[in-house]
C-alpha atoms as a PDB file:
ATOM      1  CA  MET A   1      -1.076 -18.124   0.157  1.00  0.00           C
ATOM      2  CA  THR A   2       0.060 -14.677   1.239  1.00  0.00           C
ATOM      3  CA  ILE A   3      -0.743 -11.814  -1.161  1.00  0.00           C
ATOM      4  CA  PRO A   4       0.830  -8.548   0.014  1.00  0.00           C
ATOM      5  CA  ILE A   5      -1.434  -5.508  -0.044  1.00  0.00           C
ATOM      6  CA  SER A   6      -0.021  -2.011  -0.020  1.00  0.00           C
ATOM      7  CA  ALA A   7      -2.999   0.333   0.028  1.00  0.00           C
ATOM      8  CA  GLY A   8      -2.792   3.944   1.124  1.00  0.00           C
ATOM      9  CA  TRP A   9      -4.540   7.271   0.837  1.00  0.00           C
ATOM     10  CA  GLN A  10      -3.609   7.481  -2.869  1.00  0.00           C
ATOM     11  CA  GLN A  11      -5.761   4.458  -3.775  1.00  0.00           C
ATOM     12  CA  LEU A  12      -8.617   5.758  -1.616  1.00  0.00           C
ATOM     13  CA  LEU A  13      -8.474   9.219  -3.215  1.00  0.00           C
ATOM     14  CA  LEU A  14      -8.472   7.851  -6.754  1.00  0.00           C
ATOM     15  CA  PHE A  15     -11.313   5.472  -5.946  1.00  0.00           C
ATOM     16  CA  LEU A  16     -13.440   8.294  -4.501  1.00  0.00           C
ATOM     17  CA  LEU A  17     -12.639  10.456  -7.527  1.00  0.00           C
ATOM     18  CA  ALA A  18     -13.806   7.727  -9.900  1.00  0.00           C
ATOM     19  CA  VAL A  19     -16.975   7.130  -7.871  1.00  0.00           C
ATOM     20  CA  LEU A  20     -17.752  10.871  -7.892  1.00  0.00           C
ATOM     21  CA  GLY A  21     -17.296  11.030 -11.663  1.00  0.00           C
ATOM     22  CA  ILE A  22     -19.550   8.032 -12.260  1.00  0.00           C
ATOM     23  CA  GLY A  23     -22.137   9.474  -9.862  1.00  0.00           C
ATOM     24  CA  LEU A  24     -22.229  12.755 -11.736  1.00  0.00           C
ATOM     25  CA  LEU A  25     -22.659  10.950 -15.046  1.00  0.00           C
ATOM     26  CA  ILE A  26     -25.512   8.856 -13.690  1.00  0.00           C
ATOM     27  CA  SER A  27     -27.121  11.951 -12.220  1.00  0.00           C
ATOM     28  CA  ALA A  28     -26.869  13.751 -15.567  1.00  0.00           C
ATOM     29  CA  PHE A  29     -28.551  10.945 -17.492  1.00  0.00           C
ATOM     30  CA  MET A  30     -31.095   9.931 -14.901  1.00  0.00           C
ATOM     31  CA  GLY A  31     -32.204  13.297 -13.550  1.00  0.00           C
ATOM     32  CA  PHE A  32     -35.928  13.976 -13.436  1.00  0.00           C
ATOM     33  CA  ARG A  33     -37.939  17.080 -12.692  1.00  0.00           C
ATOM     34  CA  ARG A  34     -41.309  16.519 -11.118  1.00  0.00           C
ATOM     35  CA  GLU A  35     -43.993  19.187 -11.242  1.00  0.00           C
ATOM     36  CA  VAL A  36     -47.445  19.054  -9.644  1.00  0.00           C
ATOM     37  CA  TYR A  37     -50.402  20.483 -11.581  1.00  0.00           C
ATOM     38  CA  ILE A  38     -54.023  21.127 -10.538  1.00  0.00           C
ATOM     39  CA  ASP A  39     -56.605  21.066 -13.298  1.00  0.00           C
ATOM     40  CA  GLU A  40     -59.866  22.987 -13.467  1.00  0.00           C
ATOM     41  CA  HIS A  41     -61.640  20.306 -11.466  1.00  0.00           C
ATOM     42  CA  GLY A  42     -59.183  20.574  -8.585  1.00  0.00           C
ATOM     43  CA  GLN A  43     -57.498  17.246  -9.272  1.00  0.00           C
ATOM     44  CA  ARG A  44     -53.778  16.994  -8.655  1.00  0.00           C
ATOM     45  CA  TYR A  45     -51.474  15.180 -11.036  1.00  0.00           C
ATOM     46  CA  ARG A  46     -47.721  14.995 -11.643  1.00  0.00           C
ATOM     47  CA  MET A  47     -45.856  15.648 -14.846  1.00  0.00           C
ATOM     48  CA  HIS A  48     -42.408  14.118 -15.331  1.00  0.00           C
ATOM     49  CA  HIS A  49     -40.009  16.050 -17.517  1.00  0.00           C
ATOM     50  CA  ARG A  50     -36.700  14.390 -18.320  1.00  0.00           C
ATOM     51  CA  ARG A  51     -33.959  16.975 -18.278  1.00  0.00           C
ATOM     52  CA  PHE A  52     -30.450  16.162 -19.383  1.00  0.00           C
ATOM     53  CA  ARG A  53     -27.990  17.886 -17.084  1.00  0.00           C
ATOM     54  CA  TRP A  54     -25.121  18.943 -19.297  1.00  0.00           C
ATOM     55  CA  GLY A  55     -23.122  20.549 -16.507  1.00  0.00           C
ATOM     56  CA  ARG A  56     -23.059  17.416 -14.412  1.00  0.00           C
ATOM     57  CA  SER A  57     -22.396  15.272 -17.461  1.00  0.00           C
ATOM     58  CA  VAL A  58     -19.301  17.252 -18.502  1.00  0.00           C
ATOM     59  CA  SER A  59     -18.020  17.462 -14.925  1.00  0.00           C
ATOM     60  CA  GLY A  60     -18.560  13.761 -14.357  1.00  0.00           C
ATOM     61  CA  LEU A  61     -16.878  12.837 -17.635  1.00  0.00           C
ATOM     62  CA  LEU A  62     -13.847  15.012 -16.863  1.00  0.00           C
ATOM     63  CA  LEU A  63     -13.545  13.559 -13.363  1.00  0.00           C
ATOM     64  CA  LEU A  64     -13.847  10.031 -14.719  1.00  0.00           C
ATOM     65  CA  ILE A  65     -11.161  10.666 -17.369  1.00  0.00           C
ATOM     66  CA  LEU A  66      -8.911  12.231 -14.718  1.00  0.00           C
ATOM     67  CA  ALA A  67      -9.426   9.238 -12.421  1.00  0.00           C
ATOM     68  CA  ILE A  68      -8.625   6.770 -15.229  1.00  0.00           C
ATOM     69  CA  VAL A  69      -5.446   8.653 -16.170  1.00  0.00           C
ATOM     70  CA  LEU A  70      -4.336   8.850 -12.543  1.00  0.00           C
ATOM     71  CA  LEU A  71      -5.141   5.173 -11.949  1.00  0.00           C
ATOM     72  CA  TRP A  72      -3.127   4.254 -15.030  1.00  0.00           C
ATOM     73  CA  ALA A  73      -0.170   6.334 -13.808  1.00  0.00           C
ATOM     74  CA  ALA A  74      -0.517   4.835 -10.334  1.00  0.00           C
ATOM     75  CA  SER A  75      -0.494   1.322 -11.808  1.00  0.00           C
ATOM     76  CA  LEU A  76       2.849   2.006 -13.483  1.00  0.00           C
ATOM     77  CA  VAL A  77       4.342   3.304 -10.246  1.00  0.00           C
ATOM     78  CA  GLN A  78       2.856   0.489  -8.160  1.00  0.00           C
ATOM     79  CA  SER A  79       4.111  -2.116 -10.615  1.00  0.00           C
ATOM     80  CA  TYR A  80       7.635  -0.705 -10.490  1.00  0.00           C
ATOM     81  CA  LEU A  81       7.626  -0.541  -6.699  1.00  0.00           C
ATOM     82  CA  GLY A  82       6.297  -4.065  -6.552  1.00  0.00           C
ATOM     83  CA  LEU A  83       8.977  -5.427  -8.843  1.00  0.00           C
ATOM     84  CA  THR A  84      11.744  -3.955  -6.688  1.00  0.00           C
ATOM     85  CA  GLY A  85      10.098  -4.785  -3.368  1.00  0.00           C
ATOM     86  CA  GLU A  86      11.119  -7.714  -1.174  1.00  0.00           C
ATOM     87  CA  ILE A  87       9.455  -9.372   1.805  1.00  0.00           C
ATOM     88  CA  LYS A  88      11.450 -11.323   4.363  1.00  0.00           C
ATOM     89  CA  VAL A  89       9.754 -14.720   4.698  1.00  0.00           C
ATOM     90  CA  ALA A  90      12.285 -16.935   6.515  1.00  0.00           C
ATOM     91  CA  HIS A  91      15.552 -17.063   8.450  1.00  0.00           C
ATOM     92  CA  ILE A  92      17.759 -20.162   8.201  1.00  0.00           C
ATOM     93  CA  HIS A  93      20.761 -21.245  10.266  1.00  0.00           C
ATOM     94  CA  ALA A  94      22.270 -24.467   8.894  1.00  0.00           C
ATOM     95  CA  THR A  95      25.335 -26.392  10.162  1.00  0.00           C
ATOM     96  CA  GLN A  96      26.923 -29.644   9.047  1.00  0.00           C
ATOM     97  CA  VAL A  97      26.795 -32.496  11.562  1.00  0.00           C
ATOM     98  CA  THR A  98      30.499 -33.149  12.306  1.00  0.00           C
ATOM     99  CA  ASN A  99      30.530 -36.929  12.730  1.00  0.00           C
ATOM    100  CA  LEU A 100      27.861 -37.746  10.143  1.00  0.00           C
ATOM    101  CA  PRO A 101      28.606 -37.006   6.476  1.00  0.00           C
ATOM    102  CA  HIS A 102      25.875 -35.486   4.330  1.00  0.00           C
ATOM    103  CA  GLN A 103      23.741 -34.490   7.298  1.00  0.00           C
ATOM    104  CA  MET A 104      22.764 -31.019   8.416  1.00  0.00           C
ATOM    105  CA  SER A 105      21.081 -29.374  11.371  1.00  0.00           C
ATOM    106  CA  VAL A 106      18.743 -26.715   9.982  1.00  0.00           C
ATOM    107  CA  GLU A 107      16.937 -24.129  12.096  1.00  0.00           C
ATOM    108  CA  LEU A 108      14.110 -22.562  10.105  1.00  0.00           C
ATOM    109  CA  ALA A 109      12.147 -19.532  11.303  1.00  0.00           C
ATOM    110  CA  LEU A 110       9.124 -18.534   9.220  1.00  0.00           C
ATOM    111  CA  TYR A 111       7.646 -15.013   9.191  1.00  0.00           C
ATOM    112  CA  ASP A 112       4.112 -13.850   8.488  1.00  0.00           C
ATOM    113  CA  ALA A 113       3.152 -10.943   6.198  1.00  0.00           C
ATOM    114  CA  ALA A 114       3.611  -8.470   9.071  1.00  0.00           C
ATOM    115  CA  GLY A 115       7.190  -9.631   9.681  1.00  0.00           C
ATOM    116  CA  HIS A 116       6.426 -11.479  12.925  1.00  0.00           C
ATOM    117  CA  THR A 117       7.850 -14.934  13.675  1.00  0.00           C
ATOM    118  CA  ALA A 118       5.192 -17.530  12.847  1.00  0.00           C
ATOM    119  CA  SER A 119       7.265 -20.607  13.746  1.00  0.00           C
ATOM    120  CA  ASP A 120      10.844 -21.559  14.674  1.00  0.00           C
ATOM    121  CA  ASN A 121      11.918 -25.206  14.385  1.00  0.00           C
ATOM    122  CA  THR A 122      15.134 -27.209  14.001  1.00  0.00           C
ATOM    123  CA  TYR A 123      15.414 -30.257  11.723  1.00  0.00           C
ATOM    124  CA  ILE A 124      18.057 -32.926  11.080  1.00  0.00           C
ATOM    125  CA  MET A 125      18.268 -33.342   7.323  1.00  0.00           C
ATOM    126  CA  GLN A 126      20.019 -35.566   4.789  1.00  0.00           C
ATOM    127  CA  GLY A 127      22.104 -33.567   2.322  1.00  0.00           C
ATOM    128  CA  ASP A 128      24.883 -31.064   1.842  1.00  0.00           C
ATOM    129  CA  GLU A 129      22.579 -28.095   1.207  1.00  0.00           C
ATOM    130  CA  TRP A 130      19.164 -26.950   2.347  1.00  0.00           C
ATOM    131  CA  MET A 131      16.479 -26.042  -0.172  1.00  0.00           C
ATOM    132  CA  VAL A 132      13.292 -24.079   0.423  1.00  0.00           C
ATOM    133  CA  GLN A 133      10.493 -24.385  -2.118  1.00  0.00           C
ATOM    134  CA  GLY A 134       7.418 -22.244  -2.542  1.00  0.00           C
ATOM    135  CA  ASN A 135       4.479 -21.309  -4.731  1.00  0.00           C
ATOM    136  CA  ILE A 136       4.405 -18.025  -6.623  1.00  0.00           C
ATOM    137  CA  LEU A 137       1.221 -16.340  -7.891  1.00  0.00           C
ATOM    138  CA  LYS A 138       2.102 -13.378 -10.079  1.00  0.00           C
ATOM    139  CA  ILE A 139      -0.863 -10.977 -10.046  1.00  0.00           C
ATOM    140  CA  THR A 140      -1.862  -9.225 -13.289  1.00  0.00           C
ATOM    141  CA  PRO A 141      -0.507  -5.640 -13.446  1.00  0.00           C
ATOM    142  CA  TRP A 142      -3.921  -3.921 -13.405  1.00  0.00           C
ATOM    143  CA  LEU A 143      -4.536  -5.247  -9.873  1.00  0.00           C
ATOM    144  CA  ASN A 144      -1.447  -3.392  -8.684  1.00  0.00           C
ATOM    145  CA  ILE A 145      -3.515  -0.194  -8.658  1.00  0.00           C
ATOM    146  CA  PHE A 146      -5.431  -1.689  -5.731  1.00  0.00           C
ATOM    147  CA  GLY A 147      -2.190  -2.416  -3.884  1.00  0.00           C
ATOM    148  CA  LEU A 148      -2.150  -6.164  -4.676  1.00  0.00           C
ATOM    149  CA  HIS A 149       1.182  -7.746  -5.527  1.00  0.00           C
ATOM    150  CA  THR A 150       2.646 -11.187  -6.152  1.00  0.00           C
ATOM    151  CA  GLY A 151       1.417 -13.878  -3.761  1.00  0.00           C
ATOM    152  CA  TYR A 152       3.783 -16.404  -2.207  1.00  0.00           C
ATOM    153  CA  LYS A 153       3.686 -19.433   0.077  1.00  0.00           C
ATOM    154  CA  LEU A 154       6.583 -21.534   1.387  1.00  0.00           C
ATOM    155  CA  THR A 155       5.625 -25.191   0.997  1.00  0.00           C
ATOM    156  CA  ARG A 156       8.703 -27.404   1.504  1.00  0.00           C
ATOM    157  CA  LEU A 157      12.103 -27.685   3.161  1.00  0.00           C
ATOM    158  CA  GLU A 158      14.365 -30.307   1.587  1.00  0.00           C
ATOM    159  CA  GLY A 159      17.910 -31.587   1.725  1.00  0.00           C
ATOM    160  CA  ARG A 160      20.035 -31.492  -1.411  1.00  0.00           C
ATOM    161  CA  PHE A 161      23.221 -33.413  -2.259  1.00  0.00           C
ATOM    162  CA  ASP A 162      26.203 -31.977  -4.116  1.00  0.00           C
ATOM    163  CA  ASP A 163      26.957 -35.364  -5.684  1.00  0.00           C
ATOM    164  CA  PRO A 164      24.478 -36.100  -8.513  1.00  0.00           C
ATOM    165  CA  ASN A 165      24.757 -39.833  -7.785  1.00  0.00           C
ATOM    166  CA  LEU A 166      23.652 -39.276  -4.184  1.00  0.00           C
ATOM    167  CA  GLU A 167      20.937 -36.931  -5.405  1.00  0.00           C
ATOM    168  CA  ARG A 168      19.572 -39.781  -7.512  1.00  0.00           C
ATOM    169  CA  THR A 169      19.977 -42.654  -5.050  1.00  0.00           C
ATOM    170  CA  ALA A 170      20.285 -41.407  -1.454  1.00  0.00           C
ATOM    171  CA  GLN A 171      17.373 -40.923   0.922  1.00  0.00           C
ATOM    172  CA  HIS A 172      15.983 -37.408   0.907  1.00  0.00           C
ATOM    173  CA  THR A 173      14.536 -35.375   3.743  1.00  0.00           C
ATOM    174  CA  VAL A 174      11.330 -33.583   2.782  1.00  0.00           C
ATOM    175  CA  ILE A 175       9.451 -31.446   5.304  1.00  0.00           C
ATOM    176  CA  GLU A 176       6.094 -29.926   4.398  1.00  0.00           C
ATOM    177  CA  LEU A 177       5.601 -26.288   5.376  1.00  0.00           C
ATOM    178  CA  ASN A 178       2.336 -24.380   5.812  1.00  0.00           C
ATOM    179  CA  GLY A 179       0.215 -27.325   4.706  1.00  0.00           C
ATOM    180  CA  GLY A 180       1.914 -27.616   1.288  1.00  0.00           C
ATOM    181  CA  ASP A 181       0.167 -26.585  -1.929  1.00  0.00           C
ATOM    182  CA  ASP A 182      -3.244 -25.058  -1.184  1.00  0.00           C
ATOM    183  CA  ASN A 183      -6.397 -25.327  -3.283  1.00  0.00           C
ATOM    184  CA  PHE A 184      -6.171 -21.758  -4.579  1.00  0.00           C
ATOM    185  CA  PHE A 185      -2.708 -22.361  -6.033  1.00  0.00           C
ATOM    186  CA  LYS A 186      -3.735 -25.742  -7.474  1.00  0.00           C
ATOM    187  CA  THR A 187      -6.711 -24.090  -9.182  1.00  0.00           C
ATOM    188  CA  ALA A 188      -4.583 -21.280 -10.611  1.00  0.00           C
ATOM    189  CA  TYR A 189      -1.928 -23.777 -11.716  1.00  0.00           C
ATOM    190  CA  THR A 190      -4.242 -26.285 -13.396  1.00  0.00           C
ATOM    191  CA  GLN A 191      -7.174 -24.129 -14.574  1.00  0.00           C
ATOM    192  CA  LYS A 192      -5.483 -21.094 -16.054  1.00  0.00           C
ATOM    193  CA  SER A 193      -8.195 -20.131 -18.548  1.00  0.00           C
ATOM    194  CA  TRP A 194     -10.783 -18.543 -16.242  1.00  0.00           C
ATOM    195  CA  ILE A 195      -8.310 -17.127 -13.726  1.00  0.00           C
ATOM    196  CA  THR A 196      -6.044 -15.465 -16.327  1.00  0.00           C
ATOM    197  CA  PRO A 197      -7.586 -11.958 -15.925  1.00  0.00           C
ATOM    198  CA  PHE A 198      -6.422 -11.968 -12.303  1.00  0.00           C
ATOM    199  CA  VAL A 199      -3.288 -14.166 -12.232  1.00  0.00           C
ATOM    200  CA  ASP A 200      -0.533 -13.507 -14.768  1.00  0.00           C
ATOM    201  CA  ALA A 201       1.486 -16.633 -13.881  1.00  0.00           C
ATOM    202  CA  SER A 202       1.523 -19.408 -11.276  1.00  0.00           C
ATOM    203  CA  TYR A 203       4.591 -21.572 -10.722  1.00  0.00           C
ATOM    204  CA  GLY A 204       6.835 -23.284  -8.188  1.00  0.00           C
ATOM    205  CA  ASN A 205      10.168 -21.813  -7.182  1.00  0.00           C
ATOM    206  CA  ALA A 206      13.105 -22.916  -5.015  1.00  0.00           C
ATOM    207  CA  VAL A 207      16.253 -21.485  -3.460  1.00  0.00           C
ATOM    208  CA  TYR A 208      19.149 -23.518  -1.995  1.00  0.00           C
ATOM    209  CA  GLN A 209      22.382 -22.800  -0.152  1.00  0.00           C
ATOM    210  CA  ALA A 210      25.109 -24.634   1.766  1.00  0.00           C
ATOM    211  CA  ALA A 211      25.633 -24.376   5.529  1.00  0.00           C
ATOM    212  CA  GLY A 212      25.469 -20.860   6.953  1.00  0.00           C
ATOM    213  CA  THR A 213      23.003 -18.258   8.131  1.00  0.00           C
ATOM    214  CA  PHE A 214      20.650 -16.756   5.545  1.00  0.00           C
ATOM    215  CA  ASP A 215      17.552 -14.641   5.193  1.00  0.00           C
ATOM    216  CA  VAL A 216      15.047 -15.745   2.550  1.00  0.00           C
ATOM    217  CA  PHE A 217      13.028 -13.089   0.718  1.00  0.00           C
ATOM    218  CA  ALA A 218      10.011 -13.248  -1.583  1.00  0.00           C
ATOM    219  CA  THR A 219      10.257 -10.852  -4.531  1.00  0.00           C
ATOM    220  CA  GLN A 220       7.784 -10.189  -7.327  1.00  0.00           C
ATOM    221  CA  ASP A 221       9.229 -13.111  -9.295  1.00  0.00           C
ATOM    222  CA  ALA A 222      11.037 -15.573  -7.067  1.00  0.00           C
ATOM    223  CA  LEU A 223      12.518 -16.607  -3.733  1.00  0.00           C
ATOM    224  CA  ILE A 224      16.045 -15.399  -3.012  1.00  0.00           C
ATOM    225  CA  ALA A 225      18.505 -15.979  -0.146  1.00  0.00           C
ATOM    226  CA  ARG A 226      21.136 -13.622   1.225  1.00  0.00           C
ATOM    227  CA  PRO A 227      23.692 -14.127   4.001  1.00  0.00           C
ATOM    228  CA  ALA A 228      22.189 -12.720   7.195  1.00  0.00           C
ATOM    229  CA  SER A 229      23.950  -9.668   8.575  1.00  0.00           C
END
C-alpha cells in the first residue's frame, strides 16, 4: 500500500510552534524556585516554593491557540490540494490480436511513488478490454495536516468482454499485481471500528478501457485512465 506524503517546511514550522507553546505551558505550571537556607546551627536545607509563571502561561497559551488555528487552516488547504492531486501509477499499451478474436496483447508498466518504473511486462489476455483493479484507503482529513493522503495499491490486471454472455461464460485472464490485497488493507476493510479514526473509507476500485495507450492515475477517490499524450 502506497500512502503519499507531502510534508514541507510549513508542517515543520507549525509542529515546532505547537511544541513551543506546550513547552511554555508546562514550564508555567511546573516551575519551581529552590532556595538554600542555613540555620543558626550551620545546617543547610532547601526550601521549595512553587511559583506560577503567568507570563509563560499566557505566551504558551497564545502560541498553542495560534498553532491550532494554523493547523486547522493548513488541513483545509491540504485536503483541497489532495482532492485535486493525481499520481501516475501505470502506463498501458493494449492492442487486439488480429487473428484471434477477443484476445489482447497488454503491456503494463507500473510506477512507484517517486514516479520511477517499478516493472514493465507484456501479457496475452482474454477479452475485448483491459481492466486494472486496486485498493483505496481514504485517510481521515485531520491526517492531511501531516501531509498524508489517500493510499492506493494496484492489485489486479484482468480481461473484460463487451458481450455480457462471454463475460459470464468465457475464460477470464486474471493477473495478480504487487502481491494482491495486503494485510493492512484487509484489516482496514474488515475491522473498521478501531481503525476509523485514521481511515475514512477502504474499498476496491477498477478502471477499464479498450485497446489503446493510456496512463492510469490514482486520485484521492479512485483510479482513472486517460489517453497517453
